[in-house]
N, C-alpha and C. Protein backbone atom coordinates (compact mmCIF):
# COMPACT_ATOMS: atom_id res chain seq x y z
N MET A 1 0.86 -1.18 0.00
CA MET A 1 0.00 0.00 0.00
C MET A 1 0.90 1.23 0.00
N GLY A 2 0.59 2.20 -0.81
CA GLY A 2 1.40 3.41 -0.94
C GLY A 2 1.03 4.47 0.07
N SER A 3 1.48 5.68 -0.17
CA SER A 3 1.18 6.79 0.72
C SER A 3 -0.31 7.15 0.58
N PRO A 4 -0.87 7.82 1.62
CA PRO A 4 -2.29 8.19 1.54
C PRO A 4 -2.61 9.03 0.30
N ALA A 5 -1.72 9.94 -0.06
CA ALA A 5 -1.99 10.79 -1.23
C ALA A 5 -1.99 9.96 -2.50
N ALA A 6 -1.13 8.92 -2.56
CA ALA A 6 -1.07 8.08 -3.76
C ALA A 6 -2.29 7.17 -3.84
N ASP A 7 -2.86 6.80 -2.69
CA ASP A 7 -4.02 5.92 -2.67
C ASP A 7 -5.33 6.64 -2.94
N ARG A 8 -5.32 7.97 -2.89
CA ARG A 8 -6.54 8.76 -3.08
C ARG A 8 -7.03 8.63 -4.51
N PRO A 9 -8.32 8.43 -4.70
CA PRO A 9 -8.85 8.42 -6.07
C PRO A 9 -8.61 9.76 -6.73
N ASP A 10 -8.32 9.75 -8.00
CA ASP A 10 -8.06 10.99 -8.72
C ASP A 10 -8.97 11.06 -9.94
N PRO A 11 -10.26 11.32 -9.72
CA PRO A 11 -11.15 11.43 -10.85
C PRO A 11 -10.75 12.63 -11.71
N SER A 12 -10.40 12.33 -12.94
CA SER A 12 -9.89 13.40 -13.81
C SER A 12 -10.93 14.49 -14.04
N GLY A 13 -12.20 14.15 -14.07
CA GLY A 13 -13.22 15.17 -14.27
C GLY A 13 -13.26 16.18 -13.15
N LEU A 14 -13.08 15.73 -11.92
CA LEU A 14 -13.07 16.65 -10.78
C LEU A 14 -11.82 17.52 -10.81
N ARG A 15 -10.69 16.96 -11.18
CA ARG A 15 -9.46 17.74 -11.27
C ARG A 15 -9.59 18.81 -12.35
N GLU A 16 -10.17 18.44 -13.48
CA GLU A 16 -10.35 19.41 -14.56
C GLU A 16 -11.30 20.52 -14.11
N PHE A 17 -12.38 20.14 -13.41
CA PHE A 17 -13.32 21.13 -12.90
C PHE A 17 -12.60 22.08 -11.95
N ALA A 18 -11.81 21.54 -11.05
CA ALA A 18 -11.08 22.36 -10.08
C ALA A 18 -10.12 23.31 -10.79
N ASP A 19 -9.41 22.82 -11.79
CA ASP A 19 -8.48 23.66 -12.52
C ASP A 19 -9.20 24.78 -13.28
N ARG A 20 -10.30 24.44 -13.92
CA ARG A 20 -11.08 25.44 -14.69
C ARG A 20 -11.64 26.54 -13.80
N ASN A 21 -11.95 26.19 -12.56
CA ASN A 21 -12.60 27.14 -11.65
C ASN A 21 -11.65 27.69 -10.59
N ASN A 22 -10.36 27.53 -10.82
CA ASN A 22 -9.35 28.07 -9.90
C ASN A 22 -9.54 27.60 -8.46
N LEU A 23 -9.88 26.34 -8.31
CA LEU A 23 -10.02 25.75 -6.97
C LEU A 23 -8.71 25.05 -6.61
N SER A 24 -8.29 25.18 -5.41
CA SER A 24 -7.03 24.61 -4.99
C SER A 24 -7.07 23.09 -5.04
N THR A 25 -6.09 22.50 -5.67
CA THR A 25 -5.94 21.05 -5.69
C THR A 25 -4.55 20.68 -5.20
N ASP A 26 -3.94 21.56 -4.41
CA ASP A 26 -2.63 21.29 -3.86
C ASP A 26 -2.68 20.10 -2.93
N GLU A 27 -1.57 19.38 -2.86
CA GLU A 27 -1.48 18.27 -1.93
C GLU A 27 -1.50 18.82 -0.51
N PRO A 28 -2.19 18.16 0.38
CA PRO A 28 -2.24 18.65 1.76
C PRO A 28 -0.89 18.50 2.45
N GLU A 29 -0.71 19.30 3.49
CA GLU A 29 0.48 19.21 4.30
C GLU A 29 0.57 17.82 4.91
N ALA A 30 1.73 17.16 4.78
CA ALA A 30 1.89 15.81 5.32
C ALA A 30 2.02 15.88 6.83
N LEU A 31 1.09 15.25 7.52
CA LEU A 31 1.11 15.23 8.98
C LEU A 31 1.39 13.80 9.45
N THR A 32 2.20 13.68 10.47
CA THR A 32 2.44 12.37 11.05
C THR A 32 1.38 12.08 12.10
N ASP A 33 1.37 10.84 12.56
CA ASP A 33 0.43 10.50 13.64
C ASP A 33 0.71 11.32 14.88
N GLU A 34 1.98 11.63 15.11
CA GLU A 34 2.35 12.44 16.27
C GLU A 34 1.80 13.86 16.14
N ASP A 35 1.84 14.41 14.92
CA ASP A 35 1.29 15.76 14.69
C ASP A 35 -0.20 15.79 14.97
N LEU A 36 -0.91 14.78 14.46
CA LEU A 36 -2.36 14.72 14.70
C LEU A 36 -2.66 14.54 16.19
N ALA A 37 -1.87 13.71 16.88
CA ALA A 37 -2.09 13.49 18.32
C ALA A 37 -1.81 14.76 19.11
N ARG A 38 -0.76 15.49 18.71
CA ARG A 38 -0.42 16.74 19.39
C ARG A 38 -1.52 17.77 19.19
N ARG A 39 -2.01 17.89 17.97
CA ARG A 39 -3.08 18.86 17.70
C ARG A 39 -4.37 18.47 18.42
N TYR A 40 -4.62 17.18 18.52
CA TYR A 40 -5.80 16.73 19.25
C TYR A 40 -5.67 17.08 20.73
N ALA A 41 -4.49 16.86 21.29
CA ALA A 41 -4.25 17.18 22.71
C ALA A 41 -4.39 18.69 22.95
N GLU A 42 -3.90 19.50 22.00
CA GLU A 42 -4.03 20.96 22.13
C GLU A 42 -5.50 21.36 22.08
N THR A 43 -6.25 20.72 21.21
CA THR A 43 -7.67 21.03 21.08
C THR A 43 -8.42 20.63 22.34
N ALA A 44 -8.03 19.52 22.95
CA ALA A 44 -8.70 19.06 24.17
C ALA A 44 -8.49 20.02 25.35
N GLN A 45 -7.44 20.84 25.27
CA GLN A 45 -7.17 21.79 26.36
C GLN A 45 -8.01 23.06 26.25
N ILE A 46 -8.67 23.26 25.10
CA ILE A 46 -9.49 24.43 24.88
C ILE A 46 -10.83 24.23 25.59
N ALA A 47 -11.39 25.30 26.11
CA ALA A 47 -12.70 25.22 26.78
C ALA A 47 -13.73 24.63 25.82
N PRO A 48 -14.60 23.74 26.32
CA PRO A 48 -15.58 23.08 25.44
C PRO A 48 -16.41 24.03 24.59
N ALA A 49 -16.75 25.18 25.12
CA ALA A 49 -17.58 26.13 24.37
C ALA A 49 -16.84 26.72 23.17
N LYS A 50 -15.51 26.67 23.19
CA LYS A 50 -14.71 27.24 22.08
C LYS A 50 -14.01 26.18 21.27
N ARG A 51 -14.35 24.92 21.45
CA ARG A 51 -13.63 23.81 20.84
C ARG A 51 -14.16 23.41 19.46
N LYS A 52 -15.33 23.90 19.07
CA LYS A 52 -15.95 23.44 17.84
C LYS A 52 -15.12 23.73 16.60
N VAL A 53 -14.66 24.95 16.43
CA VAL A 53 -13.92 25.34 15.22
C VAL A 53 -12.57 24.61 15.14
N PRO A 54 -11.77 24.55 16.22
CA PRO A 54 -10.51 23.80 16.12
C PRO A 54 -10.72 22.31 15.85
N THR A 55 -11.77 21.73 16.41
CA THR A 55 -12.04 20.31 16.18
C THR A 55 -12.44 20.08 14.72
N SER A 56 -13.24 20.98 14.18
CA SER A 56 -13.64 20.87 12.78
C SER A 56 -12.42 21.01 11.86
N GLY A 57 -11.53 21.93 12.20
CA GLY A 57 -10.30 22.10 11.41
C GLY A 57 -9.41 20.87 11.45
N LEU A 58 -9.30 20.27 12.62
CA LEU A 58 -8.50 19.05 12.76
C LEU A 58 -9.14 17.91 11.98
N LEU A 59 -10.46 17.86 11.96
CA LEU A 59 -11.16 16.83 11.20
C LEU A 59 -10.85 16.96 9.71
N VAL A 60 -10.80 18.19 9.20
CA VAL A 60 -10.49 18.41 7.79
C VAL A 60 -9.05 17.98 7.50
N LEU A 61 -8.12 18.31 8.40
CA LEU A 61 -6.72 17.88 8.22
C LEU A 61 -6.63 16.36 8.18
N ALA A 62 -7.36 15.69 9.06
CA ALA A 62 -7.34 14.23 9.07
C ALA A 62 -7.93 13.68 7.78
N ALA A 63 -8.98 14.28 7.27
CA ALA A 63 -9.59 13.83 6.01
C ALA A 63 -8.60 14.02 4.86
N GLU A 64 -7.89 15.14 4.84
CA GLU A 64 -6.90 15.38 3.80
C GLU A 64 -5.77 14.36 3.83
N GLN A 65 -5.52 13.77 5.00
CA GLN A 65 -4.50 12.74 5.15
C GLN A 65 -5.09 11.34 4.94
N GLN A 66 -6.37 11.29 4.56
CA GLN A 66 -7.06 10.02 4.33
C GLN A 66 -7.15 9.18 5.61
N ARG A 67 -7.25 9.83 6.75
CA ARG A 67 -7.31 9.15 8.05
C ARG A 67 -8.75 9.03 8.52
N LEU A 68 -9.47 8.09 7.95
CA LEU A 68 -10.86 7.89 8.31
C LEU A 68 -11.00 7.49 9.78
N ASP A 69 -10.02 6.82 10.33
CA ASP A 69 -10.07 6.46 11.74
C ASP A 69 -10.08 7.69 12.64
N VAL A 70 -9.26 8.68 12.31
CA VAL A 70 -9.24 9.92 13.09
C VAL A 70 -10.53 10.70 12.89
N VAL A 71 -11.02 10.74 11.66
CA VAL A 71 -12.28 11.42 11.36
C VAL A 71 -13.41 10.81 12.19
N SER A 72 -13.45 9.48 12.27
CA SER A 72 -14.53 8.83 13.02
C SER A 72 -14.43 9.09 14.52
N VAL A 73 -13.26 9.36 15.04
CA VAL A 73 -13.11 9.71 16.45
C VAL A 73 -13.53 11.15 16.69
N LEU A 74 -13.22 12.05 15.75
CA LEU A 74 -13.52 13.47 15.93
C LEU A 74 -14.98 13.83 15.69
N LEU A 75 -15.66 13.13 14.79
CA LEU A 75 -17.04 13.51 14.45
C LEU A 75 -17.97 13.56 15.66
N PRO A 76 -17.95 12.59 16.57
CA PRO A 76 -18.86 12.69 17.71
C PRO A 76 -18.56 13.87 18.64
N LYS A 77 -17.39 14.44 18.54
CA LYS A 77 -17.03 15.57 19.39
C LYS A 77 -17.60 16.89 18.87
N LEU A 78 -18.12 16.88 17.65
CA LEU A 78 -18.75 18.07 17.09
C LEU A 78 -20.25 18.05 17.44
N PRO A 79 -20.83 19.22 17.67
CA PRO A 79 -22.25 19.27 18.06
C PRO A 79 -23.18 19.06 16.87
N MET A 80 -24.36 18.61 17.18
CA MET A 80 -25.41 18.55 16.19
C MET A 80 -25.97 19.97 16.05
N PRO A 81 -26.56 20.28 14.90
CA PRO A 81 -27.09 21.64 14.70
C PRO A 81 -28.21 21.97 15.67
N LEU A 82 -28.30 23.24 16.00
CA LEU A 82 -29.39 23.73 16.84
C LEU A 82 -30.59 24.09 15.97
N ALA A 83 -31.67 24.48 16.60
CA ALA A 83 -32.89 24.82 15.86
C ALA A 83 -32.69 26.02 14.95
N GLY A 84 -31.68 26.87 15.23
CA GLY A 84 -31.46 28.07 14.45
C GLY A 84 -30.80 27.82 13.11
N GLY A 85 -30.39 26.60 12.82
CA GLY A 85 -29.74 26.31 11.56
C GLY A 85 -28.42 25.60 11.76
N MET A 86 -27.76 25.26 10.67
CA MET A 86 -26.53 24.50 10.73
C MET A 86 -25.36 25.35 10.25
N SER A 87 -24.25 25.26 10.96
CA SER A 87 -23.03 25.94 10.53
C SER A 87 -22.08 24.92 9.91
N SER A 88 -21.03 25.40 9.31
CA SER A 88 -20.06 24.50 8.68
C SER A 88 -19.24 23.73 9.68
N ASP A 89 -19.36 24.07 10.97
CA ASP A 89 -18.63 23.35 12.00
C ASP A 89 -19.50 22.37 12.76
N ASP A 90 -20.75 22.19 12.35
CA ASP A 90 -21.63 21.22 12.99
C ASP A 90 -21.40 19.83 12.37
N ARG A 91 -21.78 18.81 13.10
CA ARG A 91 -21.46 17.44 12.74
C ARG A 91 -21.92 17.02 11.33
N PRO A 92 -23.16 17.26 10.91
CA PRO A 92 -23.56 16.77 9.58
C PRO A 92 -22.73 17.40 8.45
N TYR A 93 -22.52 18.69 8.52
CA TYR A 93 -21.74 19.35 7.46
C TYR A 93 -20.29 18.87 7.49
N ALA A 94 -19.71 18.76 8.68
CA ALA A 94 -18.33 18.31 8.81
C ALA A 94 -18.18 16.87 8.30
N ALA A 95 -19.17 16.02 8.56
CA ALA A 95 -19.11 14.64 8.08
C ALA A 95 -19.16 14.59 6.56
N PHE A 96 -20.07 15.37 5.99
CA PHE A 96 -20.18 15.41 4.53
C PHE A 96 -18.88 15.95 3.91
N ARG A 97 -18.34 16.99 4.52
CA ARG A 97 -17.10 17.60 4.01
C ARG A 97 -15.94 16.62 4.07
N ALA A 98 -15.82 15.89 5.18
CA ALA A 98 -14.73 14.90 5.33
C ALA A 98 -14.87 13.81 4.29
N LEU A 99 -16.08 13.30 4.09
CA LEU A 99 -16.28 12.26 3.08
C LEU A 99 -15.97 12.77 1.68
N ARG A 100 -16.33 14.01 1.40
CA ARG A 100 -16.03 14.59 0.08
C ARG A 100 -14.53 14.68 -0.13
N ILE A 101 -13.79 15.10 0.90
CA ILE A 101 -12.33 15.21 0.78
C ILE A 101 -11.72 13.83 0.59
N ILE A 102 -12.17 12.86 1.36
CA ILE A 102 -11.59 11.52 1.29
C ILE A 102 -11.87 10.87 -0.06
N THR A 103 -13.07 11.04 -0.59
CA THR A 103 -13.44 10.35 -1.82
C THR A 103 -13.00 11.07 -3.08
N THR A 104 -12.98 12.40 -3.08
CA THR A 104 -12.65 13.13 -4.31
C THR A 104 -11.27 13.77 -4.27
N GLY A 105 -10.76 14.03 -3.07
CA GLY A 105 -9.48 14.69 -2.97
C GLY A 105 -9.55 16.21 -2.99
N ILE A 106 -10.74 16.77 -3.17
CA ILE A 106 -10.87 18.22 -3.14
C ILE A 106 -12.01 18.59 -2.19
N ASP A 107 -11.93 19.80 -1.68
CA ASP A 107 -12.91 20.26 -0.69
C ASP A 107 -13.80 21.34 -1.28
N HIS A 108 -14.41 21.03 -2.41
CA HIS A 108 -15.29 21.98 -3.07
C HIS A 108 -16.47 21.25 -3.65
N GLU A 109 -17.64 21.84 -3.51
CA GLU A 109 -18.82 21.25 -4.14
C GLU A 109 -18.67 21.38 -5.64
N THR A 110 -19.03 20.32 -6.35
CA THR A 110 -18.85 20.32 -7.79
C THR A 110 -20.17 20.30 -8.55
N TRP A 111 -21.26 20.61 -7.89
CA TRP A 111 -22.56 20.61 -8.59
C TRP A 111 -23.20 21.95 -8.49
């Protein structure tokens, strides 16, 4: 098995779409397991009321590294949307975003 970036599906149609629309298709920053663990520990030290955005950001980094195991640990730590609507840091949106990154390699809606 190769590196996570090499194992990622590369649908040429999505890459062409991203290039035509000036969407970033750069390779994500390579993070080690230690980096992810350190960032998780740093996030755990933040007050729970302020933890949503850093946790969502860490989830995206894990998805870019093709780490579905880390994504599955982080998702339950994000809140479900309130009656007032859903933000991009709530669990359903973050789950959809992580799956899109893992399956397509880009973090942009293509429809």
